[in-house]
Protein backbone atom coordinates (compact mmCIF):
# COMPACT_ATOMS: atom_id res chain seq x y z
CA UNK A 1 148.18 163.89 21.71
CA UNK A 2 145.46 166.08 23.11
CA UNK A 3 145.80 169.73 24.14
CA UNK A 4 146.52 168.91 27.81
CA UNK A 5 149.31 166.50 26.87
CA UNK A 6 150.87 169.00 24.45
CA UNK A 7 150.71 171.78 27.05
CA UNK A 8 152.33 169.62 29.73
CA UNK A 9 155.11 168.56 27.39
CA UNK A 10 155.73 172.17 26.33
CA UNK A 11 156.04 173.26 29.98
CA UNK A 12 158.64 170.59 30.63
CA UNK A 13 160.60 171.34 27.46
CA UNK A 14 160.56 175.14 27.96
CA UNK A 15 163.87 175.39 29.91
CA UNK A 16 165.79 173.53 27.19
CA UNK A 17 163.87 174.47 24.03
CA UNK A 18 164.80 177.17 21.57
CA UNK A 19 161.50 176.84 19.68
CA UNK A 20 158.34 174.86 20.36
CA UNK A 21 155.90 174.57 17.46
CA UNK A 22 152.54 172.82 17.65
CA UNK A 23 151.04 171.55 14.41
CA UNK A 24 147.72 169.85 15.01
CA UNK A 25 148.49 167.03 17.44
CA UNK A 26 152.27 167.17 16.86
CA UNK A 27 154.90 169.10 18.80
CA UNK A 28 158.14 170.10 17.07
CA UNK A 29 161.01 171.27 19.28
CA UNK A 30 164.37 172.82 18.47
CA UNK A 31 166.70 172.59 21.44
CA UNK A 32 169.10 175.29 22.61
CA UNK A 33 172.70 174.85 21.55
CA UNK A 34 174.39 175.86 24.81
CA UNK A 35 172.45 174.23 27.60
CA UNK A 36 173.59 174.71 31.16
CA UNK A 37 173.36 171.97 33.74
CA UNK A 38 170.92 174.16 35.65
CA UNK A 39 168.54 174.32 32.66
CA UNK A 40 168.70 170.55 32.20
CA UNK A 41 168.10 170.00 35.92
CA UNK A 42 165.11 172.36 35.86
CA UNK A 43 163.57 170.47 32.96
CA UNK A 44 164.09 167.15 34.72
CA UNK A 45 162.58 168.53 37.93
CA UNK A 46 159.52 169.79 36.06
CA UNK A 47 159.16 166.35 34.50
CA UNK A 48 159.29 164.59 37.86
CA UNK A 49 156.88 166.97 39.56
CA UNK A 50 154.34 167.02 36.74
CA UNK A 51 150.95 165.42 37.01
CA UNK A 52 151.06 163.69 33.67
CA UNK A 53 147.96 162.85 31.69
CA UNK A 54 148.25 159.42 30.14
CA UNK A 55 150.41 159.89 27.04
CA UNK A 56 149.83 157.92 23.87
CA UNK A 57 152.56 158.27 21.24
CA UNK A 58 150.96 155.87 18.79
CA UNK A 59 150.38 157.28 15.27
């Protein structure tokens, strides 16, 4: 993943993530324990409205 892809993914995960750690081209996320429906909806909305770069999850 390049920097733009990591940044976009971090923005989308922000409402539901407890921690977001970037190590090189990897992103490690710990999710919140008590998620509200509103937080989940916000994350989904950010995902739908994002202008995604082409993602490549191949190793």
